[in-house]
Amino acid sequence: MPMAADEIAALIRAGIPDAEVEITDLAGDGDHYAAKVTAASFAGMPPVRQHQAVYAALGGRMGGVLHALQLTTAVPK
């Protein structure tokens, strides 16, 4: 069962409270998304650690309930 975009955004915001999250449904099938996550708490973290923080916020749904997520992370400017 696919995840809704607002559910993905809510999970990320719950795990990373200062995150600004933009979700795009890439294929219109509710199964392939892109997420842009910007958070001040990412400052000083290498990109791989930022991505790990997002995946942790998803609570193990990546690769299971959530099939594909193209992820971009950033620190606010």
PDB file of N, CA and C in Angstrom:
ATOM      1  N   MET A   1       0.851  -1.180   0.000  1.00  0.00           N
ATOM      2  CA  MET A   1       0.000   0.000   0.000  1.00  0.00           C
ATOM      3  C   MET A   1       0.893   1.239   0.000  1.00  0.00           C
ATOM      4  N   PRO A   2       0.740   2.139  -0.965  1.00  0.00           N
ATOM      5  CA  PRO A   2       1.575   3.330  -1.045  1.00  0.00           C
ATOM      6  C   PRO A   2       1.326   4.286   0.118  1.00  0.00           C
ATOM      7  N   MET A   3       2.294   5.174   0.321  1.00  0.00           N
ATOM      8  CA  MET A   3       2.160   6.201   1.354  1.00  0.00           C
ATOM      9  C   MET A   3       1.714   7.507   0.702  1.00  0.00           C
ATOM     10  N   ALA A   4       0.954   8.291   1.433  1.00  0.00           N
ATOM     11  CA  ALA A   4       0.554   9.615   0.953  1.00  0.00           C
ATOM     12  C   ALA A   4       1.685  10.607   1.210  1.00  0.00           C
ATOM     13  N   ALA A   5       1.801  11.600   0.345  1.00  0.00           N
ATOM     14  CA  ALA A   5       2.853  12.607   0.469  1.00  0.00           C
ATOM     15  C   ALA A   5       2.785  13.323   1.817  1.00  0.00           C
ATOM     16  N   ASP A   6       1.583  13.637   2.271  1.00  0.00           N
ATOM     17  CA  ASP A   6       1.474  14.360   3.546  1.00  0.00           C
ATOM     18  C   ASP A   6       1.879  13.479   4.726  1.00  0.00           C
ATOM     19  N   GLU A   7       1.716  12.173   4.601  1.00  0.00           N
ATOM     20  CA  GLU A   7       2.169  11.256   5.652  1.00  0.00           C
ATOM     21  C   GLU A   7       3.701  11.215   5.711  1.00  0.00           C
ATOM     22  N   ILE A   8       4.342  11.207   4.548  1.00  0.00           N
ATOM     23  CA  ILE A   8       5.808  11.226   4.498  1.00  0.00           C
ATOM     24  C   ILE A   8       6.325  12.518   5.118  1.00  0.00           C
ATOM     25  N   ALA A   9       5.743  13.648   4.730  1.00  0.00           N
ATOM     26  CA  ALA A   9       6.179  14.941   5.268  1.00  0.00           C
ATOM     27  C   ALA A   9       5.975  14.993   6.777  1.00  0.00           C
ATOM     28  N   ALA A  10       4.859  14.482   7.264  1.00  0.00           N
ATOM     29  CA  ALA A  10       4.578  14.506   8.705  1.00  0.00           C
ATOM     30  C   ALA A  10       5.598  13.669   9.482  1.00  0.00           C
ATOM     31  N   LEU A  11       5.958  12.519   8.951  1.00  0.00           N
ATOM     32  CA  LEU A  11       6.958  11.674   9.616  1.00  0.00           C
ATOM     33  C   LEU A  11       8.307  12.377   9.683  1.00  0.00           C
ATOM     34  N   ILE A  12       8.699  13.022   8.582  1.00  0.00           N
ATOM     35  CA  ILE A  12       9.983  13.725   8.572  1.00  0.00           C
ATOM     36  C   ILE A  12       9.960  14.882   9.561  1.00  0.00           C
ATOM     37  N   ARG A  13       8.861  15.647   9.566  1.00  0.00           N
ATOM     38  CA  ARG A  13       8.766  16.786  10.503  1.00  0.00           C
ATOM     39  C   ARG A  13       8.729  16.305  11.958  1.00  0.00           C
ATOM     40  N   ALA A  14       8.142  15.160  12.196  1.00  0.00           N
ATOM     41  CA  ALA A  14       8.103  14.625  13.566  1.00  0.00           C
ATOM     42  C   ALA A  14       9.501  14.209  14.017  1.00  0.00           C
ATOM     43  N   GLY A  15      10.292  13.662  13.104  1.00  0.00           N
ATOM     44  CA  GLY A  15      11.633  13.215  13.450  1.00  0.00           C
ATOM     45  C   GLY A  15      12.676  14.317  13.432  1.00  0.00           C
ATOM     46  N   ILE A  16      12.411  15.347  12.606  1.00  0.00           N
ATOM     47  CA  ILE A  16      13.334  16.478  12.479  1.00  0.00           C
ATOM     48  C   ILE A  16      12.469  17.735  12.621  1.00  0.00           C
ATOM     49  N   PRO A  17      12.224  18.166  13.847  1.00  0.00           N
ATOM     50  CA  PRO A  17      11.234  19.228  14.086  1.00  0.00           C
ATOM     51  C   PRO A  17      11.511  20.557  13.374  1.00  0.00           C
ATOM     52  N   ASP A  18      12.779  20.869  13.081  1.00  0.00           N
ATOM     53  CA  ASP A  18      13.048  22.143  12.405  1.00  0.00           C
ATOM     54  C   ASP A  18      13.068  22.007  10.880  1.00  0.00           C
ATOM     55  N   ALA A  19      12.644  20.882  10.365  1.00  0.00           N
ATOM     56  CA  ALA A  19      12.723  20.633   8.923  1.00  0.00           C
ATOM     57  C   ALA A  19      11.610  21.329   8.147  1.00  0.00           C
ATOM     58  N   GLU A  20      12.033  21.885   7.003  1.00  0.00           N
ATOM     59  CA  GLU A  20      11.079  22.314   5.982  1.00  0.00           C
ATOM     60  C   GLU A  20      11.085  21.200   4.943  1.00  0.00           C
ATOM     61  N   VAL A  21       9.912  20.705   4.590  1.00  0.00           N
ATOM     62  CA  VAL A  21       9.821  19.519   3.740  1.00  0.00           C
ATOM     63  C   VAL A  21       8.951  19.812   2.521  1.00  0.00           C
ATOM     64  N   GLU A  22       9.494  19.489   1.354  1.00  0.00           N
ATOM     65  CA  GLU A  22       8.734  19.575   0.112  1.00  0.00           C
ATOM     66  C   GLU A  22       8.704  18.171  -0.490  1.00  0.00           C
ATOM     67  N   ILE A  23       7.521  17.672  -0.742  1.00  0.00           N
ATOM     68  CA  ILE A  23       7.364  16.334  -1.320  1.00  0.00           C
ATOM     69  C   ILE A  23       6.762  16.474  -2.715  1.00  0.00           C
ATOM     70  N   THR A  24       7.352  15.770  -3.678  1.00  0.00           N
ATOM     71  CA  THR A  24       6.836  15.739  -5.047  1.00  0.00           C
ATOM     72  C   THR A  24       6.570  14.289  -5.424  1.00  0.00           C
ATOM     73  N   ASP A  25       5.364  14.020  -5.919  1.00  0.00           N
ATOM     74  CA  ASP A  25       5.023  12.679  -6.411  1.00  0.00           C
ATOM     75  C   ASP A  25       5.557  12.577  -7.842  1.00  0.00           C
ATOM     76  N   LEU A  26       6.607  11.815  -8.045  1.00  0.00           N
ATOM     77  CA  LEU A  26       7.303  11.785  -9.331  1.00  0.00           C
ATOM     78  C   LEU A  26       6.546  11.061 -10.437  1.00  0.00           C
ATOM     79  N   ALA A  27       5.800  10.039 -10.088  1.00  0.00           N
ATOM     80  CA  ALA A  27       5.163   9.215 -11.115  1.00  0.00           C
ATOM     81  C   ALA A  27       3.634   9.270 -11.055  1.00  0.00           C
ATOM     82  N   GLY A  28       3.094   9.970 -10.078  1.00  0.00           N
ATOM     83  CA  GLY A  28       1.648  10.047  -9.953  1.00  0.00           C
ATOM     84  C   GLY A  28       1.021   8.763  -9.451  1.00  0.00           C
ATOM     85  N   ASP A  29       1.863   7.869  -8.945  1.00  0.00           N
ATOM     86  CA  ASP A  29       1.344   6.579  -8.488  1.00  0.00           C
ATOM     87  C   ASP A  29       1.342   6.436  -6.968  1.00  0.00           C
ATOM     88  N   GLY A  30       1.768   7.504  -6.266  1.00  0.00           N
ATOM     89  CA  GLY A  30       1.804   7.427  -4.813  1.00  0.00           C
ATOM     90  C   GLY A  30       2.880   6.494  -4.286  1.00  0.00           C
ATOM     91  N   ASP A  31       3.834   6.172  -5.135  1.00  0.00           N
ATOM     92  CA  ASP A  31       4.853   5.192  -4.752  1.00  0.00           C
ATOM     93  C   ASP A  31       6.273   5.658  -5.045  1.00  0.00           C
ATOM     94  N   HIS A  32       6.411   6.731  -5.827  1.00  0.00           N
ATOM     95  CA  HIS A  32       7.724   7.251  -6.204  1.00  0.00           C
ATOM     96  C   HIS A  32       7.739   8.755  -5.922  1.00  0.00           C
ATOM     97  N   TYR A  33       8.518   9.135  -4.923  1.00  0.00           N
ATOM     98  CA  TYR A  33       8.512  10.529  -4.490  1.00  0.00           C
ATOM     99  C   TYR A  33       9.903  11.125  -4.535  1.00  0.00           C
ATOM    100  N   ALA A  34       9.939  12.465  -4.558  1.00  0.00           N
ATOM    101  CA  ALA A  34      11.155  13.225  -4.286  1.00  0.00           C
ATOM    102  C   ALA A  34      10.873  14.043  -3.037  1.00  0.00           C
ATOM    103  N   ALA A  35      11.862  14.162  -2.173  1.00  0.00           N
ATOM    104  CA  ALA A  35      11.727  14.984  -0.972  1.00  0.00           C
ATOM    105  C   ALA A  35      12.907  15.932  -0.883  1.00  0.00           C
ATOM    106  N   LYS A  36      12.615  17.195  -0.643  1.00  0.00           N
ATOM    107  CA  LYS A  36      13.654  18.174  -0.335  1.00  0.00           C
ATOM    108  C   LYS A  36      13.459  18.544   1.126  1.00  0.00           C
ATOM    109  N   VAL A  37      14.480  18.278   1.932  1.00  0.00           N
ATOM    110  CA  VAL A  37      14.402  18.509   3.370  1.00  0.00           C
ATOM    111  C   VAL A  37      15.486  19.504   3.755  1.00  0.00           C
ATOM    112  N   THR A  38      15.078  20.635   4.282  1.00  0.00           N
ATOM    113  CA  THR A  38      16.001  21.687   4.702  1.00  0.00           C
ATOM    114  C   THR A  38      15.853  21.852   6.206  1.00  0.00           C
ATOM    115  N   ALA A  39      16.982  21.805   6.918  1.00  0.00           N
ATOM    116  CA  ALA A  39      16.915  21.906   8.383  1.00  0.00           C
ATOM    117  C   ALA A  39      18.200  22.527   8.931  1.00  0.00           C
ATOM    118  N   ALA A  40      18.056  23.454   9.847  1.00  0.00           N
ATOM    119  CA  ALA A  40      19.220  24.055  10.510  1.00  0.00           C
ATOM    120  C   ALA A  40      19.987  23.001  11.310  1.00  0.00           C
ATOM    121  N   SER A  41      19.282  21.998  11.788  1.00  0.00           N
ATOM    122  CA  SER A  41      19.943  20.953  12.579  1.00  0.00           C
ATOM    123  C   SER A  41      20.895  20.099  11.723  1.00  0.00           C
ATOM    124  N   PHE A  42      20.858  20.247  10.412  1.00  0.00           N
ATOM    125  CA  PHE A  42      21.797  19.542   9.533  1.00  0.00           C
ATOM    126  C   PHE A  42      23.168  20.223   9.494  1.00  0.00           C
ATOM    127  N   ALA A  43      23.265  21.425  10.032  1.00  0.00           N
ATOM    128  CA  ALA A  43      24.528  22.177   9.970  1.00  0.00           C
ATOM    129  C   ALA A  43      25.658  21.345  10.568  1.00  0.00           C
ATOM    130  N   GLY A  44      26.757  21.262   9.830  1.00  0.00           N
ATOM    131  CA  GLY A  44      27.921  20.520  10.277  1.00  0.00           C
ATOM    132  C   GLY A  44      27.866  19.026   9.993  1.00  0.00           C
ATOM    133  N   MET A  45      26.732  18.549   9.493  1.00  0.00           N
ATOM    134  CA  MET A  45      26.596  17.124   9.177  1.00  0.00           C
ATOM    135  C   MET A  45      26.933  16.901   7.703  1.00  0.00           C
ATOM    136  N   PRO A  46      27.698  15.872   7.379  1.00  0.00           N
ATOM    137  CA  PRO A  46      27.905  15.554   5.967  1.00  0.00           C
ATOM    138  C   PRO A  46      26.588  15.063   5.357  1.00  0.00           C
ATOM    139  N   PRO A  47      26.466  15.169   4.029  1.00  0.00           N
ATOM    140  CA  PRO A  47      25.209  14.781   3.378  1.00  0.00           C
ATOM    141  C   PRO A  47      24.719  13.373   3.737  1.00  0.00           C
ATOM    142  N   VAL A  48      25.624  12.424   3.846  1.00  0.00           N
ATOM    143  CA  VAL A  48      25.181  11.056   4.154  1.00  0.00           C
ATOM    144  C   VAL A  48      24.510  11.001   5.530  1.00  0.00           C
ATOM    145  N   ARG A  49      25.002  11.769   6.484  1.00  0.00           N
ATOM    146  CA  ARG A  49      24.377  11.793   7.817  1.00  0.00           C
ATOM    147  C   ARG A  49      23.019  12.503   7.771  1.00  0.00           C
ATOM    148  N   GLN A  50      22.908  13.530   6.921  1.00  0.00           N
ATOM    149  CA  GLN A  50      21.617  14.204   6.750  1.00  0.00           C
ATOM    150  C   GLN A  50      20.591  13.223   6.188  1.00  0.00           C
ATOM    151  N   HIS A  51      21.003  12.451   5.203  1.00  0.00           N
ATOM    152  CA  HIS A  51      20.101  11.461   4.605  1.00  0.00           C
ATOM    153  C   HIS A  51      19.730  10.389   5.626  1.00  0.00           C
ATOM    154  N   GLN A  52      20.699   9.970   6.423  1.00  0.00           N
ATOM    155  CA  GLN A  52      20.413   8.964   7.456  1.00  0.00           C
ATOM    156  C   GLN A  52      19.397   9.494   8.459  1.00  0.00           C
ATOM    157  N   ALA A  53      19.482  10.789   8.780  1.00  0.00           N
ATOM    158  CA  ALA A  53      18.518  11.387   9.715  1.00  0.00           C
ATOM    159  C   ALA A  53      17.106  11.343   9.136  1.00  0.00           C
ATOM    160  N   VAL A  54      16.997  11.605   7.839  1.00  0.00           N
ATOM    161  CA  VAL A  54      15.673  11.552   7.198  1.00  0.00           C
ATOM    162  C   VAL A  54      15.148  10.119   7.188  1.00  0.00           C
ATOM    163  N   TYR A  55      16.011   9.181   6.820  1.00  0.00           N
ATOM    164  CA  TYR A  55      15.572   7.778   6.790  1.00  0.00           C
ATOM    165  C   TYR A  55      15.175   7.311   8.192  1.00  0.00           C
ATOM    166  N   ALA A  56      15.899   7.762   9.210  1.00  0.00           N
ATOM    167  CA  ALA A  56      15.537   7.406  10.584  1.00  0.00           C
ATOM    168  C   ALA A  56      14.165   7.961  10.933  1.00  0.00           C
ATOM    169  N   ALA A  57      13.878   9.166  10.466  1.00  0.00           N
ATOM    170  CA  ALA A  57      12.575   9.781  10.738  1.00  0.00           C
ATOM    171  C   ALA A  57      11.444   8.978  10.087  1.00  0.00           C
ATOM    172  N   LEU A  58      11.764   8.299   8.992  1.00  0.00           N
ATOM    173  CA  LEU A  58      10.738   7.495   8.308  1.00  0.00           C
ATOM    174  C   LEU A  58      10.487   6.165   9.013  1.00  0.00           C
ATOM    175  N   GLY A  59      11.268   5.886  10.009  1.00  0.00           N
ATOM    176  CA  GLY A  59      11.001   4.747  10.876  1.00  0.00           C
ATOM    177  C   GLY A  59      11.000   3.390  10.193  1.00  0.00           C
ATOM    178  N   GLY A  60      11.915   3.175   9.265  1.00  0.00           N
ATOM    179  CA  GLY A  60      12.009   1.861   8.645  1.00  0.00           C
ATOM    180  C   GLY A  60      11.031   1.620   7.508  1.00  0.00           C
ATOM    181  N   ARG A  61      10.290   2.641   7.108  1.00  0.00           N
ATOM    182  CA  ARG A  61       9.321   2.461   6.010  1.00  0.00           C
ATOM    183  C   ARG A  61       9.996   2.452   4.635  1.00  0.00           C
ATOM    184  N   MET A  62      11.222   3.025   4.558  1.00  0.00           N
ATOM    185  CA  MET A  62      11.939   3.095   3.277  1.00  0.00           C
ATOM    186  C   MET A  62      12.253   1.683   2.785  1.00  0.00           C
ATOM    187  N   GLY A  63      11.899   1.409   1.541  1.00  0.00           N
ATOM    188  CA  GLY A  63      12.146   0.092   0.973  1.00  0.00           C
ATOM    189  C   GLY A  63      11.039  -0.905   1.268  1.00  0.00           C
ATOM    190  N   GLY A  64      10.109  -0.511   2.095  1.00  0.00           N
ATOM    191  CA  GLY A  64       8.974  -1.370   2.408  1.00  0.00           C
ATOM    192  C   GLY A  64       7.695  -0.681   1.948  1.00  0.00           C
ATOM    193  N   VAL A  65       7.055   0.013   2.865  1.00  0.00           N
ATOM    194  CA  VAL A  65       5.837   0.758   2.540  1.00  0.00           C
ATOM    195  C   VAL A  65       6.137   1.866   1.537  1.00  0.00           C
ATOM    196  N   LEU A  66       7.285   2.513   1.714  1.00  0.00           N
ATOM    197  CA  LEU A  66       7.711   3.571   0.801  1.00  0.00           C
ATOM    198  C   LEU A  66       8.719   2.986  -0.175  1.00  0.00           C
ATOM    199  N   HIS A  67       8.317   2.876  -1.430  1.00  0.00           N
ATOM    200  CA  HIS A  67       9.132   2.188  -2.430  1.00  0.00           C
ATOM    201  C   HIS A  67      10.363   2.990  -2.842  1.00  0.00           C
ATOM    202  N   ALA A  68      10.178   4.269  -3.215  1.00  0.00           N
ATOM    203  CA  ALA A  68      11.290   5.055  -3.739  1.00  0.00           C
ATOM    204  C   ALA A  68      11.186   6.501  -3.287  1.00  0.00           C
ATOM    205  N   LEU A  69      12.316   7.048  -2.832  1.00  0.00           N
ATOM    206  CA  LEU A  69      12.361   8.435  -2.388  1.00  0.00           C
ATOM    207  C   LEU A  69      13.667   9.058  -2.882  1.00  0.00           C
ATOM    208  N   GLN A  70      13.543   9.974  -3.827  1.00  0.00           N
ATOM    209  CA  GLN A  70      14.708  10.749  -4.294  1.00  0.00           C
ATOM    210  C   GLN A  70      14.909  11.857  -3.281  1.00  0.00           C
ATOM    211  N   LEU A  71      16.026  11.847  -2.580  1.00  0.00           N
ATOM    212  CA  LEU A  71      16.201  12.719  -1.419  1.00  0.00           C
ATOM    213  C   LEU A  71      17.251  13.788  -1.667  1.00  0.00           C
ATOM    214  N   THR A  72      16.880  15.020  -1.348  1.00  0.00           N
ATOM    215  CA  THR A  72      17.804  16.152  -1.357  1.00  0.00           C
ATOM    216  C   THR A  72      17.722  16.804   0.012  1.00  0.00           C
ATOM    217  N   THR A  73      18.882  17.021   0.631  1.00  0.00           N
ATOM    218  CA  THR A  73      18.893  17.681   1.944  1.00  0.00           C
ATOM    219  C   THR A  73      19.755  18.935   1.861  1.00  0.00           C
ATOM    220  N   ALA A  74      19.472  19.883   2.736  1.00  0.00           N
ATOM    221  CA  ALA A  74      20.221  21.134   2.743  1.00  0.00           C
ATOM    222  C   ALA A  74      20.081  21.814   4.095  1.00  0.00           C
ATOM    223  N   VAL A  75      21.003  22.751   4.314  1.00  0.00           N
ATOM    224  CA  VAL A  75      20.952  23.625   5.486  1.00  0.00           C
ATOM    225  C   VAL A  75      20.412  24.965   4.993  1.00  0.00           C
ATOM    226  N   PRO A  76      19.518  25.615   5.749  1.00  0.00           N
ATOM    227  CA  PRO A  76      19.010  26.921   5.297  1.00  0.00           C
ATOM    228  C   PRO A  76      20.152  27.925   5.113  1.00  0.00           C
ATOM    229  N   LYS A  77      20.005  28.802   4.139  1.00  0.00           N
ATOM    230  CA  LYS A  77      21.045  29.827   3.879  1.00  0.00           C
ATOM    231  C   LYS A  77      20.727  31.091   4.626  1.00  0.00           C
TER     232      LYS A  77
END
